[in-house]
Amino acid sequence: MATTHRKPPAPQPGLYRFSPLDFTTIGLYVAVAGFFAVAGELLVPLLLQVAPSPAVASYSVNLIFYGSIGILALFAARKVAARDLRVLATRPWFTLLMVPTAVVVMMILTALVVSAAGGVETSQNQAGLQALMQQVPAWLMVPVLVVIGPFVEEYLFRHLLIGKLSRRLNIWVCCGLSVLLFASIHIAGQEAITFPALLPYLAMGATLVFVYVWTGKNLMFSYFVHAAKNLLAVVFIYAIPPEVFEQLQQVQP
């Protein structure tokens, strides 16, 4: 009896050409992120007038920002995302095993580089997220931090900066840009860009770049790794009482 084997879809070079929607998405992301980094404080009084609390105002801004960018990113990358899901479907056990493995490697790499540097400096971005998560329920945070946010960042920093830009620049230059810009965007506008503050994001960015390139520029695989890491962080923060979390931060080297 003959058997059939599913083959991965053939490569489609056209999927890695920049489209007008790509430039629209990048432009909106840079414009809005730049505005909040430079003049975000000007909106605080207005937001506090329409929102019942600072936490609700902060959450609403993040939801609107990532939601609008996410819709554009999903539409722009829909063909690549569909193709990459079909590729992963041909080897489901690989995906199920390697996603958590990549997250563990990311955590180990982060611990090693932080230890080698003599300790980590908690960024304002991380501190702000932790404070927000202590005031907003998990069912509201998960869509932003686990579903939408990781897809937007993988689309921008992996699919565009490596997948598409590497058609014009050396791929290793693109990988370096991806790591540096991914790390910098998480603290830019909130504090001085220092090496200790960048370290955790550099380790995370390097791991995501590696899995993206290693899997043949598979956007959905790097997205699943990114989403799994964020989900683990969300579970960790919500599972630990705030007072215990503050004590852990105080004894942090």
Protein backbone atom coordinates (compact mmCIF):
# COMPACT_ATOMS: atom_id res chain seq x y z
CA MET A 1 0.00 0.00 0.00
CA ALA A 2 1.53 3.33 -1.02
CA THR A 3 2.12 5.98 1.60
CA THR A 4 2.17 9.71 1.13
CA HIS A 5 4.35 12.20 2.94
CA ARG A 6 3.55 15.83 3.42
CA LYS A 7 6.24 18.11 2.05
CA PRO A 8 6.93 21.60 3.32
CA PRO A 9 5.61 24.32 1.03
CA ALA A 10 8.08 25.50 -1.58
CA PRO A 11 9.89 28.79 -0.85
CA GLN A 12 8.18 31.92 -2.14
CA PRO A 13 10.79 34.67 -2.68
CA GLY A 14 8.10 37.24 -3.37
CA LEU A 15 7.02 37.10 0.26
CA TYR A 16 10.27 38.81 1.26
CA ARG A 17 9.85 41.97 -0.77
CA PHE A 18 8.86 45.10 1.14
CA SER A 19 5.28 46.14 0.48
CA PRO A 20 3.58 49.53 0.90
CA LEU A 21 1.75 48.07 3.92
CA ASP A 22 5.09 47.17 5.50
CA PHE A 23 6.23 50.79 5.23
CA THR A 24 2.88 52.01 6.56
CA THR A 25 3.16 49.73 9.58
CA ILE A 26 6.77 50.71 10.26
CA GLY A 27 5.95 54.39 9.89
CA LEU A 28 3.02 54.21 12.29
CA TYR A 29 5.02 52.22 14.84
CA VAL A 30 7.98 54.62 14.75
CA ALA A 31 5.76 57.71 14.79
CA VAL A 32 3.63 56.62 17.75
CA ALA A 33 6.52 55.09 19.71
CA GLY A 34 8.63 58.19 19.06
CA PHE A 35 5.83 60.49 20.18
CA PHE A 36 5.35 58.67 23.46
CA ALA A 37 9.11 58.56 24.02
CA VAL A 38 9.54 62.29 23.44
CA ALA A 39 6.24 63.86 24.47
CA GLY A 40 4.23 61.13 26.13
CA GLU A 41 4.04 63.07 29.39
CA LEU A 42 1.95 65.73 27.65
CA LEU A 43 -0.89 63.20 27.29
CA VAL A 44 -0.88 62.16 30.94
CA PRO A 45 -3.26 64.91 32.20
CA LEU A 46 -5.71 64.24 29.34
CA LEU A 47 -5.63 60.48 29.87
CA LEU A 48 -6.24 60.87 33.59
CA GLN A 49 -9.38 62.90 32.82
CA VAL A 50 -10.95 60.14 30.72
CA ALA A 51 -9.61 57.09 32.58
CA PRO A 52 -10.59 56.11 36.14
CA SER A 53 -6.97 55.43 37.15
CA PRO A 54 -3.39 55.71 35.83
CA ALA A 55 -3.28 51.92 35.42
CA VAL A 56 -6.37 51.92 33.19
CA ALA A 57 -4.94 54.81 31.16
CA SER A 58 -1.61 53.02 30.66
CA TYR A 59 -3.31 49.76 29.72
CA SER A 60 -5.67 51.50 27.28
CA VAL A 61 -2.78 53.24 25.51
CA ASN A 62 -0.87 49.96 25.14
CA LEU A 63 -3.97 48.12 23.92
CA ILE A 64 -4.79 50.75 21.30
CA PHE A 65 -1.17 51.06 20.18
CA TYR A 66 -0.39 47.36 19.88
CA GLY A 67 -3.89 46.55 18.67
CA SER A 68 -3.73 48.94 15.72
CA ILE A 69 -0.16 47.97 14.81
CA GLY A 70 -1.06 44.30 15.27
CA ILE A 71 -3.93 44.47 12.78
CA LEU A 72 -1.66 46.04 10.17
CA ALA A 73 1.16 43.58 10.89
CA LEU A 74 -1.14 40.56 10.67
CA PHE A 75 -2.59 41.71 7.38
CA ALA A 76 0.86 42.53 5.97
CA ALA A 77 2.37 39.18 7.04
CA ARG A 78 -0.70 36.99 6.58
CA LYS A 79 0.76 34.98 3.68
CA VAL A 80 4.07 34.39 5.44
CA ALA A 81 2.28 33.46 8.68
CA ALA A 82 0.03 30.98 6.85
CA ARG A 83 2.99 29.42 5.06
CA ASP A 84 5.04 29.15 8.27
CA LEU A 85 2.15 27.51 10.12
CA ARG A 86 1.88 24.93 7.33
CA VAL A 87 5.62 24.25 7.65
CA LEU A 88 5.35 23.77 11.42
CA ALA A 89 2.33 21.50 10.91
CA THR A 90 4.54 19.07 8.96
CA ARG A 91 6.60 18.48 12.12
CA PRO A 92 4.33 19.14 15.14
CA TRP A 93 6.50 17.29 17.66
CA PHE A 94 9.48 19.45 16.72
CA THR A 95 7.44 22.57 17.40
CA LEU A 96 6.01 21.29 20.69
CA LEU A 97 9.44 20.31 21.98
CA MET A 98 11.59 23.11 20.64
CA VAL A 99 9.43 26.06 21.73
CA PRO A 100 9.84 25.34 25.48
CA THR A 101 13.46 24.33 24.88
CA ALA A 102 14.16 27.71 23.27
CA VAL A 103 12.52 29.49 26.21
CA VAL A 104 14.71 27.57 28.67
CA VAL A 105 17.82 28.38 26.61
CA MET A 106 16.78 32.04 26.61
CA MET A 107 16.46 32.06 30.40
CA ILE A 108 19.82 30.31 30.85
CA LEU A 109 21.54 32.71 28.44
CA THR A 110 20.04 35.69 30.25
CA ALA A 111 21.19 34.36 33.62
CA LEU A 112 24.71 33.75 32.30
CA VAL A 113 25.21 37.19 30.74
CA VAL A 114 23.68 38.95 33.74
CA SER A 115 25.88 36.97 36.12
CA ALA A 116 28.98 37.71 34.04
CA ALA A 117 28.15 41.42 34.12
CA GLY A 118 27.79 41.39 37.89
CA GLY A 119 24.05 41.75 38.19
CA VAL A 120 21.06 43.15 36.33
CA GLU A 121 19.59 46.64 36.40
CA THR A 122 15.80 46.51 36.27
CA SER A 123 14.67 48.76 33.42
CA GLN A 124 11.87 51.30 33.79
CA ASN A 125 9.96 49.35 31.14
CA GLN A 126 10.11 46.17 33.21
CA ALA A 127 9.29 47.97 36.43
CA GLY A 128 6.35 49.72 34.79
CA LEU A 129 4.97 46.44 33.41
CA GLN A 130 5.28 44.78 36.79
CA ALA A 131 3.45 47.65 38.48
CA LEU A 132 0.74 47.62 35.81
CA MET A 133 0.24 43.86 36.11
CA GLN A 134 -0.32 44.22 39.83
CA GLN A 135 -3.31 46.48 39.11
CA VAL A 136 -4.78 44.98 35.92
CA PRO A 137 -6.23 41.42 35.86
CA ALA A 138 -4.40 38.72 33.94
CA TRP A 139 -7.22 38.15 31.45
CA LEU A 140 -6.72 41.73 30.22
CA MET A 141 -2.92 41.61 30.16
CA VAL A 142 -2.54 38.30 28.31
CA PRO A 143 -3.99 39.55 24.98
CA VAL A 144 -1.53 42.46 24.93
CA LEU A 145 1.62 40.86 26.38
CA VAL A 146 1.25 37.30 25.08
CA VAL A 147 -0.82 37.49 21.88
CA ILE A 148 -0.52 40.87 20.16
CA GLY A 149 2.76 42.32 21.45
CA PRO A 150 5.01 39.37 20.52
CA PHE A 151 3.55 39.15 17.02
CA VAL A 152 4.11 42.86 16.37
CA GLU A 153 7.72 42.65 17.58
CA GLU A 154 8.51 39.48 15.65
CA TYR A 155 7.02 40.98 12.51
CA LEU A 156 9.09 44.15 12.88
CA PHE A 157 12.37 42.90 14.31
CA ARG A 158 12.64 39.47 12.72
CA HIS A 159 10.45 39.31 9.58
CA LEU A 160 11.22 42.81 8.32
CA LEU A 161 14.67 43.50 9.74
CA ILE A 162 16.04 40.05 8.86
CA GLY A 163 13.66 38.27 6.51
CA LYS A 164 13.15 41.18 4.12
CA LEU A 165 16.09 43.49 4.77
CA SER A 166 18.59 40.63 4.29
CA ARG A 167 17.72 40.69 0.57
CA ARG A 168 19.58 44.02 0.48
CA LEU A 169 22.08 43.77 3.36
CA ASN A 170 24.29 41.02 4.74
CA ILE A 171 22.15 38.77 6.92
CA TRP A 172 24.56 38.98 9.88
CA VAL A 173 24.38 42.77 9.78
CA CYS A 174 20.59 42.44 9.82
CA CYS A 175 20.77 40.03 12.77
CA GLY A 176 22.93 42.48 14.72
CA LEU A 177 20.55 45.34 13.98
CA SER A 178 17.62 43.18 15.04
CA VAL A 179 19.17 42.38 18.43
CA LEU A 180 20.28 45.96 19.15
CA LEU A 181 17.08 47.67 18.05
CA PHE A 182 14.89 45.09 19.81
CA ALA A 183 16.76 45.69 23.08
CA SER A 184 16.91 49.48 22.71
CA ILE A 185 13.23 49.97 21.91
CA HIS A 186 12.28 48.45 25.26
CA ILE A 187 14.02 51.16 27.28
CA ALA A 188 14.36 54.11 24.87
CA GLY A 189 12.55 57.22 26.05
CA GLN A 190 12.08 55.85 29.56
CA GLU A 191 15.65 55.97 30.87
CA ALA A 192 19.27 56.21 29.78
CA ILE A 193 20.29 53.34 27.51
CA THR A 194 22.85 51.52 29.65
CA PHE A 195 24.45 48.14 29.16
CA PRO A 196 23.08 46.62 32.43
CA ALA A 197 19.53 47.66 31.49
CA LEU A 198 19.95 46.30 27.96
CA LEU A 199 21.38 42.92 28.97
CA PRO A 200 18.14 40.93 29.49
CA TYR A 201 16.69 42.24 26.22
CA LEU A 202 19.93 41.58 24.34
CA ALA A 203 19.88 37.95 25.48
CA MET A 204 16.21 37.61 24.57
CA GLY A 205 16.73 39.26 21.19
CA ALA A 206 19.75 37.08 20.39
CA THR A 207 17.79 33.92 21.17
CA LEU A 208 14.83 34.99 19.03
CA VAL A 209 17.15 35.90 16.14
CA PHE A 210 18.83 32.51 16.40
CA VAL A 211 15.59 30.49 16.33
CA TYR A 212 14.23 32.63 13.49
CA VAL A 213 17.27 32.06 11.28
CA TRP A 214 17.75 28.44 12.40
CA THR A 215 14.20 27.50 11.37
CA GLY A 216 14.62 29.03 7.92
CA LYS A 217 13.18 32.46 8.79
CA ASN A 218 10.02 30.98 10.27
CA LEU A 219 8.11 33.95 11.66
CA MET A 220 5.55 31.85 13.53
CA PHE A 221 8.16 29.76 15.33
CA SER A 222 9.94 32.82 16.71
CA TYR A 223 6.51 34.24 17.59
CA PHE A 224 5.58 31.11 19.54
CA VAL A 225 8.88 31.27 21.45
CA HIS A 226 8.40 34.96 22.21
CA ALA A 227 4.78 34.44 23.28
CA ALA A 228 5.71 31.44 25.47
CA LYS A 229 8.42 33.45 27.23
CA ASN A 230 6.00 36.33 27.88
CA LEU A 231 3.34 33.91 29.11
CA LEU A 232 5.82 32.42 31.56
CA ALA A 233 6.66 35.91 32.84
CA VAL A 234 2.95 36.77 33.22
CA VAL A 235 2.26 33.56 35.16
CA PHE A 236 5.32 34.17 37.35
CA ILE A 237 4.33 37.74 38.25
CA TYR A 238 0.67 36.96 38.90
CA ALA A 239 1.51 33.84 40.92
CA ILE A 240 3.76 35.74 43.34
CA PRO A 241 2.10 38.10 45.84
CA PRO A 242 3.19 41.75 45.34
CA GLU A 243 4.85 41.98 48.76
CA VAL A 244 6.94 38.87 48.08
CA PHE A 245 7.89 40.19 44.65
CA GLU A 246 9.09 43.47 46.19
CA GLN A 247 11.23 41.57 48.69
CA LEU A 248 12.79 39.52 45.88
CA GLN A 249 13.68 42.72 44.05
CA GLN A 250 15.27 44.21 47.15
CA VAL A 251 17.65 41.27 47.59
CA GLN A 252 18.50 41.18 43.90
CA PRO A 253 22.28 41.71 43.36
